[in-house]
């Protein structure tokens, strides 16, 4: 996976899945029932978070991403989300005074459980698999803070703040960007081999909003954490590939709006590509269709600067065997000259 992130040709295409340690896995569901902890407490319990992180190892993925949430670092800033079942913030951050009151945090003193989880996972995999850290991008975090919940298919209040109070929005984004730099550096220092920055509200942004409120902060964060390991940028269902390629990321994780072949054609050999089987197809299709979609994606990547993943996280309704079929098919699909010509 790390060699693919460096745009090297690999003997086969590496694979991991966003939300691979989650609700579609029967072992995860059994553990949740056994421990009976709310999510916000489960994230803060390193031995359990490490155990959950490692569950996908048994079905053959090529990287372990730590079990955590993009909202985790907001709690020490005074914005603690609880999950009932989705994320809920008691007092959304909307006024200039709310933004000014958000403190700067020290990850070592307030997020030590994340470092403990990383170290436990790294010790367990013993160098056999890379360990991935991650963080939410500033605009995504801002959207959760302003809406007070998961934005889902809209973030009306956030759009209003961007349009009518852009200075307040930029003040919030600057604070979140500074926090994210320190948080990701902390993860690298704690053992992460690579990190992914999630702009999970990318599909809700116009090009103008992306250009003003997302892209500059991607650049700011990614330029500040270079030299420690591959940096992956995920911008959900955005068409701004050329801007993404200017972010400083070594890997662009793409949604299903374009194909891997088109992405590689548009950005050339400047960055590696991660993705991009449709997560709804994996949830709702037959094993045969899942295998064929996986095979076509692998062929388009050509074992050359490509990491197989989904367009977004594994959906809870996804049959476990479908997720396993993605991994198995990816590992067994070997591209030769004739298969590459199928593109």
Protein backbone atom coordinates (compact mmCIF):
# COMPACT_ATOMS: atom_id res chain seq x y z
CA UNK A 1 0.00 0.00 0.00
CA UNK A 2 2.80 2.41 0.86
CA UNK A 3 4.60 1.64 -2.40
CA UNK A 4 1.40 2.28 -4.35
CA UNK A 5 1.04 5.58 -2.48
CA UNK A 6 4.48 6.50 -3.81
CA UNK A 7 3.20 5.79 -7.36
CA UNK A 8 5.29 2.66 -7.70
CA UNK A 9 4.08 -0.28 -9.76
CA UNK A 10 3.10 -3.16 -7.47
CA UNK A 11 2.77 -6.85 -8.13
CA UNK A 12 -0.93 -6.58 -7.26
CA UNK A 13 -3.26 -3.75 -6.25
CA UNK A 14 -3.44 -3.10 -2.49
CA UNK A 15 -6.85 -2.70 -0.88
CA UNK A 16 -8.43 -1.29 2.26
CA UNK A 17 -11.96 0.00 2.81
CA UNK A 18 -13.18 3.17 4.47
CA UNK A 19 -15.14 2.15 7.60
CA UNK A 20 -13.76 -1.36 7.23
CA UNK A 21 -13.86 -1.81 11.03
CA UNK A 22 -17.52 -1.05 11.51
CA UNK A 23 -21.15 -1.91 11.49
CA UNK A 24 -21.21 -4.38 8.61
CA UNK A 25 -18.85 -6.78 10.44
CA UNK A 26 -20.68 -9.33 12.64
CA UNK A 27 -17.70 -9.52 15.00
CA UNK A 28 -17.86 -5.77 15.50
CA UNK A 29 -21.58 -5.89 16.23
CA UNK A 30 -21.04 -8.72 18.72
CA UNK A 31 -18.33 -6.75 20.50
CA UNK A 32 -20.57 -3.66 20.68
CA UNK A 33 -23.32 -5.72 22.28
CA UNK A 34 -20.90 -7.22 24.76
CA UNK A 35 -19.23 -4.02 25.98
CA UNK A 36 -22.37 -1.84 25.92
CA UNK A 37 -20.45 1.41 25.65
CA UNK A 38 -21.65 4.46 23.70
CA UNK A 39 -19.46 5.26 20.71
CA UNK A 40 -17.89 8.34 22.25
CA UNK A 41 -16.61 6.18 25.15
CA UNK A 42 -15.58 3.31 22.91
CA UNK A 43 -13.33 5.65 20.92
CA UNK A 44 -11.68 6.72 24.17
CA UNK A 45 -10.91 3.14 25.30
CA UNK A 46 -7.62 2.23 23.57
CA UNK A 47 -7.63 -1.53 24.11
CA UNK A 48 -11.12 -1.85 22.61
CA UNK A 49 -10.45 0.68 19.84
CA UNK A 50 -7.29 -1.24 18.91
CA UNK A 51 -9.13 -4.55 18.95
CA UNK A 52 -11.79 -3.16 16.61
CA UNK A 53 -9.18 -1.56 14.35
CA UNK A 54 -7.57 -4.96 13.85
CA UNK A 55 -10.74 -6.90 12.95
CA UNK A 56 -10.36 -6.37 9.17
CA UNK A 57 -6.94 -8.01 9.24
CA UNK A 58 -8.67 -11.39 9.19
CA UNK A 59 -10.23 -10.75 5.76
CA UNK A 60 -7.03 -9.70 4.05
CA UNK A 61 -6.86 -5.90 3.80
CA UNK A 62 -3.51 -4.26 3.12
CA UNK A 63 -3.75 -1.47 5.72
CA UNK A 64 -5.29 -0.95 9.15
CA UNK A 65 -6.97 2.39 9.82
CA UNK A 66 -7.48 3.15 13.48
CA UNK A 67 -11.00 2.95 14.86
CA UNK A 68 -11.88 6.53 15.73
CA UNK A 69 -14.13 9.33 14.49
CA UNK A 70 -13.42 12.56 12.66
CA UNK A 71 -15.19 14.40 15.50
CA UNK A 72 -12.87 13.06 18.22
CA UNK A 73 -10.58 16.13 18.51
CA UNK A 74 -13.54 18.50 18.90
CA UNK A 75 -14.39 17.32 22.42
CA UNK A 76 -11.34 18.92 24.10
CA UNK A 77 -12.23 22.12 22.24
CA UNK A 78 -15.48 22.16 24.18
CA UNK A 79 -17.64 20.60 21.49
CA UNK A 80 -18.33 17.06 22.63
CA UNK A 81 -20.49 15.03 20.30
CA UNK A 82 -22.54 12.11 21.57
CA UNK A 83 -23.87 9.40 19.26
CA UNK A 84 -27.59 8.63 19.71
CA UNK A 85 -27.19 6.95 17.23
CA UNK A 86 -25.81 9.71 14.97
CA UNK A 87 -23.59 12.54 16.22
CA UNK A 88 -25.34 15.28 18.21
CA UNK A 89 -23.84 18.48 19.64
CA UNK A 90 -25.81 20.07 22.46
CA UNK A 91 -24.82 23.66 21.62
CA UNK A 92 -23.90 24.27 17.95
CA UNK A 93 -21.09 26.74 17.19
CA UNK A 94 -22.66 29.60 15.23
CA UNK A 95 -21.88 32.99 16.76
CA UNK A 96 -18.59 34.86 16.51
CA UNK A 97 -18.36 34.55 20.30
CA UNK A 98 -18.68 30.75 20.06
CA UNK A 99 -15.81 30.63 17.59
CA UNK A 100 -13.60 32.90 19.69
CA UNK A 101 -14.22 30.70 22.74
CA UNK A 102 -12.86 27.53 21.09
CA UNK A 103 -9.50 26.86 22.75
CA UNK A 104 -6.29 25.61 21.21
CA UNK A 105 -5.63 22.06 22.38
CA UNK A 106 -2.55 19.98 23.11
CA UNK A 107 -3.16 16.53 21.56
CA UNK A 108 -0.67 14.88 23.93
CA UNK A 109 -2.65 15.92 26.99
CA UNK A 110 -6.19 15.72 25.63
CA UNK A 111 -6.06 12.98 22.98
CA UNK A 112 -3.59 10.52 24.45
CA UNK A 113 -6.01 7.63 23.89
CA UNK A 114 -5.57 8.10 20.12
CA UNK A 115 -1.80 7.70 20.46
CA UNK A 116 -2.30 4.67 22.72
CA UNK A 117 -4.57 3.07 20.13
CA UNK A 118 -2.05 3.71 17.36
CA UNK A 119 0.78 2.20 19.38
CA UNK A 120 -1.24 -0.88 20.31
CA UNK A 121 -2.23 -1.50 16.71
CA UNK A 122 1.31 -0.90 15.45
CA UNK A 123 2.71 -3.33 18.02
CA UNK A 124 0.20 -5.99 17.05
CA UNK A 125 0.75 -5.78 13.28
CA UNK A 126 4.53 -5.76 13.86
CA UNK A 127 5.32 -4.13 10.53
CA UNK A 128 3.24 -6.55 8.45
CA UNK A 129 0.65 -3.88 7.56
CA UNK A 130 0.81 -0.08 7.52
CA UNK A 131 -1.24 1.72 10.14
CA UNK A 132 -3.30 4.70 8.99
CA UNK A 133 -4.37 7.72 10.98
CA UNK A 134 -6.88 10.32 9.85
CA UNK A 135 -8.65 13.58 10.55
CA UNK A 136 -11.63 15.52 9.33
CA UNK A 137 -10.90 18.49 7.09
CA UNK A 138 -11.73 21.91 8.57
CA UNK A 139 -14.84 22.58 6.48
CA UNK A 140 -16.28 19.16 7.31
CA UNK A 141 -15.66 19.73 11.02
CA UNK A 142 -17.11 23.24 10.75
CA UNK A 143 -20.23 21.85 9.13
CA UNK A 144 -20.76 19.42 12.02
CA UNK A 145 -20.14 22.20 14.55
CA UNK A 146 -22.52 24.67 12.90
CA UNK A 147 -25.29 22.20 12.14
CA UNK A 148 -24.88 20.43 15.48
CA UNK A 149 -25.31 17.06 13.82
CA UNK A 150 -24.32 15.09 10.74
CA UNK A 151 -25.09 17.27 7.70
CA UNK A 152 -26.40 14.30 5.72
CA UNK A 153 -27.60 15.61 2.37
CA UNK A 154 -27.59 19.30 3.27
CA UNK A 155 -25.92 21.88 5.48
CA UNK A 156 -28.18 24.87 5.06
CA UNK A 157 -26.97 26.84 8.06
CA UNK A 158 -23.34 26.33 7.05
CA UNK A 159 -24.06 27.57 3.53
CA UNK A 160 -25.70 30.64 5.03
CA UNK A 161 -22.66 31.37 7.20
CA UNK A 162 -20.35 30.98 4.21
CA UNK A 163 -22.48 33.34 2.13
CA UNK A 164 -23.33 36.01 4.72
CA UNK A 165 -20.51 35.80 7.28
CA UNK A 166 -17.42 34.59 5.42
CA UNK A 167 -15.03 36.23 7.89
CA UNK A 168 -16.53 34.26 10.76
CA UNK A 169 -16.31 31.08 8.70
CA UNK A 170 -12.65 31.68 7.92
CA UNK A 171 -11.90 32.35 11.60
CA UNK A 172 -13.46 29.00 12.46
CA UNK A 173 -11.65 27.21 9.64
CA UNK A 174 -8.31 28.70 10.68
CA UNK A 175 -8.74 27.40 14.23
CA UNK A 176 -9.74 23.97 12.97
CA UNK A 177 -6.85 23.87 10.49
CA UNK A 178 -4.32 24.66 13.22
CA UNK A 179 -5.81 21.95 15.42
CA UNK A 180 -5.78 19.44 12.56
CA UNK A 181 -2.12 20.06 11.78
CA UNK A 182 -1.16 19.37 15.38
CA UNK A 183 -3.48 16.36 15.58
CA UNK A 184 -2.10 14.71 12.43
CA UNK A 185 1.49 15.41 13.42
CA UNK A 186 0.69 13.80 16.77
CA UNK A 187 -0.60 10.73 14.93
CA UNK A 188 2.54 10.51 12.81
CA UNK A 189 4.73 10.82 15.91
CA UNK A 190 2.63 8.12 17.60
CA UNK A 191 3.22 5.58 14.83
CA UNK A 192 0.92 6.30 11.89
CA UNK A 193 2.53 5.28 8.59
CA UNK A 194 0.16 7.45 6.54
CA UNK A 195 -2.82 9.71 7.20
CA UNK A 196 -6.02 10.56 5.37
CA UNK A 197 -7.75 13.95 5.45
CA UNK A 198 -11.51 13.55 5.05
CA UNK A 199 -13.52 16.30 3.36
CA UNK A 200 -16.71 14.33 3.84
CA UNK A 201 -19.01 17.20 2.87
CA UNK A 202 -17.29 17.63 -0.50
CA UNK A 203 -20.43 16.52 -2.33
CA UNK A 204 -22.39 19.42 -0.80
CA UNK A 205 -20.05 22.16 -2.02
CA UNK A 206 -20.22 24.28 -5.13
CA UNK A 207 -16.98 24.84 -7.01
CA UNK A 208 -16.79 28.37 -5.61
CA UNK A 209 -17.28 27.16 -2.03
CA UNK A 210 -14.67 24.47 -2.50
CA UNK A 211 -12.19 26.96 -3.92
CA UNK A 212 -12.62 29.47 -1.08
CA UNK A 213 -13.45 27.41 2.00
CA UNK A 214 -11.94 23.96 1.44
CA UNK A 215 -8.95 23.93 -0.90
CA UNK A 216 -6.78 26.55 0.88
CA UNK A 217 -7.11 24.67 4.16
CA UNK A 218 -6.23 21.36 2.52
CA UNK A 219 -3.05 23.00 1.25
CA UNK A 220 -2.32 24.57 4.63
CA UNK A 221 -2.66 21.29 6.51
CA UNK A 222 -0.97 19.00 4.03
CA UNK A 223 1.99 21.32 3.51
CA UNK A 224 2.51 21.38 7.27
CA UNK A 225 2.67 17.61 7.74
CA UNK A 226 4.96 16.59 4.89
CA UNK A 227 7.92 14.28 5.24
CA UNK A 228 6.45 11.76 7.67
CA UNK A 229 4.50 9.47 5.36
CA UNK A 230 1.95 9.51 2.54
CA UNK A 231 -0.85 12.04 2.83
CA UNK A 232 -4.22 11.02 1.38
CA UNK A 233 -6.91 13.55 0.52
CA UNK A 234 -10.50 12.37 0.27
CA UNK A 235 -13.06 14.82 -1.14
CA UNK A 236 -16.38 13.10 -1.51
CA UNK A 237 -17.82 13.19 -5.04
CA UNK A 238 -16.04 16.39 -6.04
CA UNK A 239 -14.91 16.97 -9.61
CA UNK A 240 -12.03 19.28 -8.62
CA UNK A 241 -9.30 16.74 -9.30
CA UNK A 242 -6.84 19.29 -10.61
CA UNK A 243 -7.24 21.36 -7.43
CA UNK A 244 -6.97 18.25 -5.31
CA UNK A 245 -3.71 17.44 -7.09
CA UNK A 246 -2.39 20.84 -6.00
CA UNK A 247 -3.20 20.20 -2.34
CA UNK A 248 0.12 18.58 -1.43
CA UNK A 249 -1.37 15.11 -1.04
CA UNK A 250 0.50 12.14 -2.48
CA UNK A 251 -2.79 10.21 -2.91
CA UNK A 252 -6.21 11.40 -4.07
CA UNK A 253 -9.13 9.29 -2.85
CA UNK A 254 -12.00 9.71 -5.29
CA UNK A 255 -15.73 9.09 -5.24
CA UNK A 256 -17.70 7.24 -7.88
CA UNK A 257 -18.55 10.28 -10.04
CA UNK A 258 -15.53 9.54 -12.24
CA UNK A 259 -13.61 6.38 -13.03
CA UNK A 260 -10.11 5.52 -11.92
CA UNK A 261 -9.05 5.60 -15.58
CA UNK A 262 -10.38 9.15 -16.02
CA UNK A 263 -8.77 10.29 -12.78
CA UNK A 264 -5.39 8.91 -13.81
CA UNK A 265 -5.73 10.55 -17.23
CA UNK A 266 -6.59 13.94 -15.73
CA UNK A 267 -3.83 14.13 -13.12
CA UNK A 268 -1.20 12.00 -14.84
CA UNK A 269 1.55 10.55 -12.70
CA UNK A 270 1.63 13.46 -10.25
CA UNK A 271 -0.32 11.64 -7.53
CA UNK A 272 -1.55 8.15 -6.77
CA UNK A 273 -5.27 7.37 -6.97
CA UNK A 274 -7.33 5.64 -4.28
CA UNK A 275 -10.82 4.26 -4.90
CA UNK A 276 -13.42 3.98 -6.09
CA UNK A 277 -16.03 1.17 -6.15
CA UNK A 278 -19.49 2.57 -5.40
CA UNK A 279 -20.30 1.76 -1.78
CA UNK A 280 -23.99 1.40 -2.62
CA UNK A 281 -23.17 -1.20 -5.27
CA UNK A 282 -21.23 -3.18 -2.66
CA UNK A 283 -24.22 -2.98 -0.33
CA UNK A 284 -26.95 -3.94 -2.77
CA UNK A 285 -25.49 -6.09 -5.56
CA UNK A 286 -24.84 -9.78 -6.04
CA UNK A 287 -21.47 -11.31 -5.29
CA UNK A 288 -20.89 -11.68 -9.02
CA UNK A 289 -21.56 -8.00 -9.69
CA UNK A 290 -19.37 -6.99 -6.76
CA UNK A 291 -16.53 -9.11 -8.11
CA UNK A 292 -16.89 -7.67 -11.63
CA UNK A 293 -16.94 -4.07 -10.38
CA UNK A 294 -13.83 -4.80 -8.33
CA UNK A 295 -12.07 -6.42 -11.24
CA UNK A 296 -12.78 -3.49 -13.57
CA UNK A 297 -11.51 -1.01 -11.00
CA UNK A 298 -8.30 -2.97 -10.50
CA UNK A 299 -7.74 -3.20 -14.26
CA UNK A 300 -8.15 0.56 -14.65
CA UNK A 301 -5.59 1.13 -11.92
CA UNK A 302 -3.17 -1.27 -13.57
CA UNK A 303 -1.18 -2.01 -10.35
CA UNK A 304 0.43 1.37 -10.89
CA UNK A 305 -0.08 4.05 -8.26
CA UNK A 306 -3.52 2.71 -7.37
CA UNK A 307 -5.00 1.70 -4.00
CA UNK A 308 -8.40 0.03 -4.22
CA UNK A 309 -11.07 1.46 -1.94
CA UNK A 310 -14.73 2.49 -2.02
CA UNK A 311 -16.39 5.76 -3.03
CA UNK A 312 -17.25 6.32 0.65
CA UNK A 313 -17.49 4.21 3.81
CA UNK A 314 -18.89 0.71 3.98
CA UNK A 315 -22.64 1.06 4.56
CA UNK A 316 -24.15 -0.73 7.58
CA UNK A 317 -26.51 -2.74 5.35
CA UNK A 318 -23.60 -4.19 3.35
CA UNK A 319 -23.52 -8.00 3.51
CA UNK A 320 -20.27 -9.04 5.13
CA UNK A 321 -19.57 -11.50 2.32
CA UNK A 322 -19.78 -8.65 -0.22
CA UNK A 323 -17.04 -6.72 1.56
CA UNK A 324 -14.92 -9.85 1.70
CA UNK A 325 -15.52 -10.44 -2.02
CA UNK A 326 -14.08 -6.99 -2.80
CA UNK A 327 -10.90 -7.82 -0.92
CA UNK A 328 -10.59 -11.35 -2.31
CA UNK A 329 -11.20 -10.25 -5.89
CA UNK A 330 -8.73 -7.40 -5.63
CA UNK A 331 -6.01 -9.66 -4.27
CA UNK A 332 -6.57 -12.27 -6.97
CA UNK A 333 -6.87 -9.93 -10.00
CA UNK A 334 -3.52 -9.69 -11.73
CA UNK A 335 -3.30 -7.24 -14.60
CA UNK A 336 -1.48 -8.31 -17.73
CA UNK A 337 -1.18 -6.59 -21.10
CA UNK A 338 -4.45 -8.01 -22.42
CA UNK A 339 -6.46 -6.96 -19.37
CA UNK A 340 -4.99 -3.44 -19.47
CA UNK A 341 -6.06 -3.16 -23.10
CA UNK A 342 -9.67 -3.68 -21.94
CA UNK A 343 -9.60 -0.08 -20.68
